[in-house]
Amino acid sequence: MRVAEPSRSPTGAGTGRDGAIGFGPGFTLIELLVVIAILAILASLLLPAMGGAKAKAHQAACVNHLRQLTLCWTMYADDNDGRLPPNEASGEVSLAGSWIEGDAKTDTTARNIEKGILYPYNRSVAIYRCPADRSRVSRFRNLLRTRSYAMSTGLAHLNPAKIPNPIYRASGIVDPGPSRASVFLDEDEWSIQNGALGIEPRHTRQAIFWNLPASRHQRGANLSFGDGHAEAWRWRGGRIVEASGIIRGRYVADPSGYAVTVTTTANDPDLVRLQETVPVGP
């Protein structure tokens, strides 16, 4: 008995004896290559946008972390008759009784965060690290660091050579006032160690970055101010980005002892801008 041919629809699809629809010949090689090319173009257009969205989300989270830390800083001063949280260090290590203890490069746990005097005001260790910071603990390459931020040496930090008259009370933040006085800064991963980020005072007339702020946020960093707000700064010159590579090279050459200070020019717009956030003591 002869079997009837399946019927065909105007589109070229046929209906078999079981009612299933089948299609004619598949894609040709050229058609397949055209589809792949179109998908590749779409991917090239979408991936940068997705990367940019992720970077902005990291930056927003970082700004929020800095606001929360600054709120802790403010509450400590309110609870202690206007005295600012100490920001003292010896070499690469922050001292006991300071806002933070230890060295961010080598701390393998959050213990030194928990020992800091600000921790009781917010017991989330997550707010001490920028989500865009993927740097690892020295000699423990599988461990992310617990801290990305440091406090400006313009506040509650004694360095006789550079800061002979430190500001230890909130009432001393007058030039500039709290709205323009930096408190916490996102620090470069090759520069960070103790809890103080050194900003070279104007009176020394030295054109150097004592410590280096980060440039991980689209060639910029985030910082908070004495009135509680935080800002995202895009660096105006290229020296901070370049300096990060210089310090990294020193670390690779000698991880046990390398300098984080980098020279610049006296009119470096980013150095001047940072110096303008450092209050002048009596």
Protein backbone atom coordinates (compact mmCIF):
# COMPACT_ATOMS: atom_id res chain seq x y z
CA MET A 1 0.00 0.00 0.00
CA ARG A 2 1.34 3.42 -0.92
CA VAL A 3 1.81 5.90 1.92
CA ALA A 4 0.49 9.41 1.26
CA GLU A 5 2.96 12.28 1.26
CA PRO A 6 2.59 14.67 4.21
CA SER A 7 0.69 17.81 3.41
CA ARG A 8 2.59 21.07 3.06
CA SER A 9 1.70 24.50 4.38
CA PRO A 10 2.38 27.70 2.42
CA THR A 11 5.38 28.36 4.67
CA GLY A 12 7.08 25.13 3.70
CA ALA A 13 6.24 23.28 6.93
CA GLY A 14 4.71 19.83 6.56
CA THR A 15 2.32 17.92 8.79
CA GLY A 16 3.15 14.26 9.37
CA ARG A 17 0.86 11.40 10.23
CA ASP A 18 1.22 12.15 13.97
CA GLY A 19 0.26 15.79 13.51
CA ALA A 20 3.78 17.14 14.22
CA ILE A 21 5.04 19.99 12.16
CA GLY A 22 8.42 19.67 10.50
CA PHE A 23 10.44 22.31 8.67
CA GLY A 24 12.29 22.24 5.46
CA PRO A 25 16.07 22.56 5.02
CA GLY A 26 18.04 24.22 7.91
CA PHE A 27 20.24 27.31 7.78
CA THR A 28 22.92 27.52 5.16
CA LEU A 29 26.47 28.12 6.34
CA ILE A 30 26.33 31.75 5.23
CA GLU A 31 23.10 32.36 7.12
CA LEU A 32 24.59 30.77 10.24
CA LEU A 33 27.69 32.98 10.00
CA VAL A 34 25.49 36.07 9.60
CA VAL A 35 23.54 35.16 12.78
CA ILE A 36 26.80 34.61 14.72
CA ALA A 37 28.14 37.95 13.49
CA ILE A 38 24.97 39.73 14.60
CA LEU A 39 25.17 38.12 18.04
CA ALA A 40 28.83 39.15 18.35
CA ILE A 41 27.95 42.76 17.48
CA LEU A 42 25.13 42.80 20.03
CA ALA A 43 27.47 41.37 22.68
CA SER A 44 30.12 44.01 21.92
CA LEU A 45 27.48 46.71 22.40
CA LEU A 46 25.95 45.28 25.58
CA LEU A 47 29.03 44.15 27.54
CA PRO A 48 30.58 47.64 27.99
CA ALA A 49 27.22 48.94 29.16
CA MET A 50 26.91 46.08 31.65
CA GLY A 51 30.49 46.70 32.85
CA GLY A 52 29.75 50.39 33.29
CA ALA A 53 26.62 49.63 35.30
CA LYS A 54 28.60 47.30 37.57
CA ALA A 55 31.28 49.95 38.10
CA LYS A 56 28.66 52.54 39.02
CA ALA A 57 27.03 50.10 41.45
CA HIS A 58 30.40 49.50 43.13
CA GLN A 59 31.01 53.22 43.36
CA ALA A 60 27.59 53.86 44.89
CA ALA A 61 28.15 51.10 47.47
CA CYS A 62 31.59 52.51 48.30
CA VAL A 63 30.16 56.00 48.84
CA ASN A 64 27.53 54.50 51.14
CA HIS A 65 30.20 52.67 53.16
CA LEU A 66 32.09 55.92 53.66
CA ARG A 67 28.93 57.68 54.83
CA GLN A 68 28.31 54.95 57.38
CA LEU A 69 31.88 55.11 58.70
CA THR A 70 31.63 58.88 58.96
CA LEU A 71 28.39 58.54 60.91
CA CYS A 72 30.27 56.29 63.36
CA TRP A 73 33.02 58.93 63.55
CA THR A 74 30.43 61.62 64.32
CA MET A 75 28.65 59.53 66.96
CA TYR A 76 31.96 58.84 68.70
CA ALA A 77 32.68 62.59 68.91
CA ASP A 78 29.15 63.25 70.20
CA ASP A 79 29.63 60.62 72.91
CA ASN A 80 33.04 61.95 73.93
CA ASP A 81 32.54 65.68 74.44
CA GLY A 82 33.67 66.58 70.92
CA ARG A 83 36.91 64.59 70.99
CA LEU A 84 37.69 63.04 67.62
CA PRO A 85 38.45 59.32 67.20
CA PRO A 86 42.24 58.88 67.40
CA ASN A 87 44.02 58.15 64.13
CA GLU A 88 47.46 57.24 65.45
CA ALA A 89 49.97 54.91 63.87
CA SER A 90 53.53 53.70 64.23
CA GLY A 91 55.15 52.77 60.95
CA GLU A 92 52.74 50.57 59.00
CA VAL A 93 50.53 49.67 61.98
CA SER A 94 47.64 51.59 63.54
CA LEU A 95 47.88 51.74 67.32
CA ALA A 96 45.53 50.42 69.97
CA GLY A 97 42.84 52.94 70.88
CA SER A 98 42.59 54.28 67.32
CA TRP A 99 39.61 54.13 64.99
CA ILE A 100 41.21 51.00 63.54
CA GLU A 101 44.13 48.77 64.48
CA GLY A 102 46.69 46.81 62.49
CA ASP A 103 47.82 46.85 58.86
CA ALA A 104 45.36 46.33 56.00
CA LYS A 105 48.01 44.63 53.87
CA THR A 106 48.67 41.82 56.32
CA ASP A 107 45.50 41.44 58.42
CA THR A 108 44.08 37.98 57.68
CA THR A 109 40.88 38.45 59.70
CA ALA A 110 38.55 41.28 60.71
CA ARG A 111 39.86 41.19 64.28
CA ASN A 112 41.67 44.55 64.02
CA ILE A 113 38.47 46.14 62.70
CA GLU A 114 36.55 44.78 65.68
CA LYS A 115 39.22 46.18 68.05
CA GLY A 116 38.83 49.67 66.59
CA ILE A 117 36.94 52.20 68.68
CA LEU A 118 34.38 52.85 65.91
CA TYR A 119 33.27 49.24 65.59
CA PRO A 120 30.68 49.38 68.42
CA TYR A 121 28.78 52.04 66.46
CA ASN A 122 28.28 49.75 63.46
CA ARG A 123 29.15 46.07 63.75
CA SER A 124 29.26 45.40 60.01
CA VAL A 125 32.81 44.70 58.87
CA ALA A 126 31.62 44.98 55.25
CA ILE A 127 31.53 48.79 55.44
CA TYR A 128 35.32 48.88 55.83
CA ARG A 129 35.98 47.53 52.33
CA CYS A 130 35.24 48.94 48.89
CA PRO A 131 33.43 46.34 46.74
CA ALA A 132 35.65 47.27 43.78
CA ASP A 133 38.81 46.49 45.78
CA ARG A 134 39.93 42.97 44.85
CA SER A 135 43.39 43.21 46.43
CA ARG A 136 44.64 40.28 48.48
CA VAL A 137 46.36 39.90 51.83
CA SER A 138 50.15 39.73 51.53
CA ARG A 139 51.36 36.12 51.38
CA PHE A 140 47.74 34.87 51.36
CA ARG A 141 46.65 35.22 47.76
CA ASN A 142 43.31 33.50 48.38
CA LEU A 143 42.22 36.08 50.98
CA LEU A 144 40.60 39.38 50.09
CA ARG A 145 41.64 42.22 52.37
CA THR A 146 39.23 43.35 55.03
CA ARG A 147 39.82 47.09 54.63
CA SER A 148 40.11 49.61 51.78
CA TYR A 149 39.69 52.91 53.65
CA ALA A 150 41.89 55.17 55.72
CA MET A 151 41.36 58.38 57.68
CA SER A 152 42.93 61.67 56.64
CA THR A 153 46.02 62.62 58.63
CA GLY A 154 44.45 66.06 58.94
CA LEU A 155 42.41 64.72 61.87
CA ALA A 156 43.61 63.32 65.21
CA HIS A 157 46.98 62.23 63.84
CA LEU A 158 50.31 63.23 65.34
CA ASN A 159 53.40 63.43 63.13
CA PRO A 160 55.83 65.93 64.66
CA ALA A 161 57.68 66.53 61.39
CA LYS A 162 54.58 67.31 59.36
CA ILE A 163 51.68 67.84 61.81
CA PRO A 164 53.02 69.41 65.01
CA ASN A 165 49.57 70.70 66.07
CA PRO A 166 47.01 68.00 65.27
CA ILE A 167 43.29 68.62 65.52
CA TYR A 168 41.80 66.40 68.20
CA ARG A 169 38.42 68.10 68.71
CA ALA A 170 35.51 68.65 66.34
CA SER A 171 35.51 72.35 67.27
CA GLY A 172 38.97 72.66 65.69
CA ILE A 173 37.68 71.87 62.19
CA VAL A 174 37.28 75.44 60.97
CA ASP A 175 39.70 76.02 58.06
CA PRO A 176 38.20 74.44 56.05
CA GLY A 177 34.96 73.78 57.86
CA PRO A 178 33.36 70.33 58.26
CA SER A 179 31.67 70.37 54.84
CA ARG A 180 35.07 70.53 53.09
CA ALA A 181 37.31 68.71 55.60
CA SER A 182 38.05 65.16 54.44
CA VAL A 183 37.62 62.32 56.94
CA PHE A 184 37.75 58.92 55.22
CA LEU A 185 39.27 58.21 51.83
CA ASP A 186 39.40 55.25 49.50
CA GLU A 187 43.14 54.39 49.49
CA ASP A 188 45.17 52.84 46.69
CA GLU A 189 45.69 49.10 47.21
CA TRP A 190 49.48 49.41 46.89
CA SER A 191 49.65 52.32 49.33
CA ILE A 192 47.32 51.25 52.13
CA GLN A 193 48.79 49.88 55.37
CA ASN A 194 47.86 51.56 58.69
CA GLY A 195 44.61 53.46 59.12
CA ALA A 196 45.97 56.91 58.23
CA LEU A 197 46.14 58.30 54.71
CA GLY A 198 48.82 60.95 54.67
CA ILE A 199 48.02 64.15 52.80
CA GLU A 200 51.10 66.35 52.59
CA PRO A 201 50.35 69.60 54.49
CA ARG A 202 50.62 72.81 52.50
CA HIS A 203 53.09 74.38 54.92
CA THR A 204 55.81 71.80 54.13
CA ARG A 205 55.89 72.98 50.50
CA GLN A 206 56.77 69.47 49.34
CA ALA A 207 55.22 68.26 46.10
CA ILE A 208 54.58 64.66 47.09
CA PHE A 209 51.79 62.22 47.61
CA TRP A 210 52.60 61.06 51.14
CA ASN A 211 50.07 58.26 50.72
CA LEU A 212 48.11 57.62 47.56
CA PRO A 213 44.32 57.74 47.23
CA ALA A 214 42.73 55.09 45.04
CA SER A 215 41.97 55.39 41.33
CA ARG A 216 39.85 52.23 41.04
CA HIS A 217 36.60 54.08 40.37
CA GLN A 218 37.02 55.07 36.74
CA ARG A 219 40.28 56.91 37.50
CA GLY A 220 38.87 58.36 40.69
CA ALA A 221 38.23 57.75 44.38
CA ASN A 222 35.54 58.35 46.97
CA LEU A 223 35.95 60.37 50.15
CA SER A 224 33.79 61.57 53.01
CA PHE A 225 33.67 64.90 54.84
CA GLY A 226 33.17 66.16 58.37
CA ASP A 227 29.52 67.06 57.88
CA GLY A 228 28.73 63.43 56.99
CA HIS A 229 28.41 63.58 53.22
CA ALA A 230 30.60 61.68 50.74
CA GLU A 231 31.67 62.43 47.19
CA ALA A 232 33.08 60.64 44.16
CA TRP A 233 36.13 62.45 42.79
CA ARG A 234 37.51 61.98 39.29
CA TRP A 235 41.22 62.81 39.21
CA ARG A 236 41.98 65.82 37.03
CA GLY A 237 45.62 64.94 36.33
CA GLY A 238 47.31 61.66 35.51
CA ARG A 239 49.89 61.40 38.29
CA ILE A 240 47.77 59.47 40.83
CA VAL A 241 46.97 56.75 38.30
CA GLU A 242 50.60 56.64 37.18
CA ALA A 243 51.83 56.59 40.79
CA SER A 244 49.78 53.47 41.54
CA GLY A 245 51.82 51.60 38.94
CA ILE A 246 55.06 52.99 40.38
CA ILE A 247 54.23 51.78 43.91
CA ARG A 248 53.14 48.41 42.55
CA GLY A 249 56.53 48.04 40.87
CA ARG A 250 58.27 48.74 44.17
CA TYR A 251 56.12 46.13 45.89
CA VAL A 252 56.96 43.49 43.29
CA ALA A 253 60.66 44.28 43.67
CA ASP A 254 60.62 44.14 47.48
CA PRO A 255 57.33 43.23 49.21
CA SER A 256 58.92 43.43 52.67
CA GLY A 257 59.96 47.07 52.57
CA TYR A 258 59.05 49.60 49.90
CA ALA A 259 58.23 53.31 49.83
CA VAL A 260 54.69 54.49 49.11
CA THR A 261 55.58 58.18 48.74
CA VAL A 262 55.57 59.47 45.16
CA THR A 263 56.75 62.84 43.90
CA THR A 264 54.62 65.12 41.77
CA THR A 265 54.62 68.82 40.84
CA ALA A 266 53.75 71.74 43.10
CA ASN A 267 50.78 72.68 40.91
CA ASP A 268 49.43 69.14 40.56
CA PRO A 269 45.65 69.80 40.57
CA ASP A 270 44.89 66.64 42.54
CA LEU A 271 47.51 67.29 45.21
CA VAL A 272 46.25 70.86 45.66
CA ARG A 273 42.65 69.67 45.79
CA LEU A 274 43.45 67.10 48.50
CA GLN A 275 45.50 69.61 50.52
CA GLU A 276 42.54 71.97 50.54
CA THR A 277 40.58 69.34 52.53
CA VAL A 278 43.10 69.26 55.38
CA PRO A 279 42.17 71.56 58.31
CA VAL A 280 44.83 73.96 59.50
CA GLY A 281 45.54 73.57 63.20
CA PRO A 282 46.23 76.36 65.69
